[in-house]
Amino acid sequence: MKRFYKKVSVNEVESGWQITLDTRAIKTVKGTPQVVPTKALADALAAEWAGQGEKIDPQTMPLRDMADYAIDMVSPDPGALIDKTVAYGDTDTLLYRADPDEPLFARQQEVWEPIVSAFETRHRVEFVRISGIIHHPQSEKTLTQLREVLGGHRPFALASIEMMTHLAASLITGLSSAQRDADALALWQAASLEEEWQAEEWGRDEEAEERREKRTGDFLKAREFWELAQD
């Protein structure tokens, strides 16, 4: 699409902040006014629009896409997203370890256990750790507690947490990243431990590394979205 505007503005409205392109207020893909909760997020969205050249490239506007998702998909029914996201707590990557006699197990214990233990303490939950690939369900009490934790987040935060959780295949990682003092890159690298282990053992594939780099960027952008949406 050819760029059709000259001026990008950030305006305070009754329920938040909204971008205008010249005099046209931005709407979501579904036609809902794209009103976001903080000026910081609105400023970042405005920067995406202002940074476009003669043609608009949607791929360079990930924050806009996440804002649309939060408004159009999450806000109408947060409970549906919570149910979808809490399922990752039952199959969380950080809970599935190698067999204790394998070298990878020690690495997983060293990297993953402090993250899981800190999460358990912070949210007063208890996880079952599993060695091997056979699924072992977490307790209903734990899953209920995880639902309550997710229920404490507003739609924009939930959109970010769901994306981070999906990319990492780990609800522990997604929720741990949704803290102001979180080292999101370190948490992402921890969740990617097995992939890194395989690369160290068998060598690196260029295409796989490119995919991994993109996923890293997507994860960090989701974390940025979470931070920008905080009051």
Foldseek 3Di string as FASTA:
>chain_A
DFDDADDWDWDADDQAIWIAGHNRTDAAPVGHGLGAHYVLLVVVQSCLSNPDDRHRDVVSRVSSVLSNCLVPPCQVPVPVLLVVLLVLVFVALLQEAAPPVDPRRVVSCVQRVVLVVVLCVVQVADFHRHHDDDGDGGDPVRSVSSSVVLVVDHSQLSSLLSLLCVLLSHSSLSVQLLDPPHPNLSSSCSSCVVVVVCCVVPNDDPVVVVVVVVSSVSNVVSSVSSVSRDD
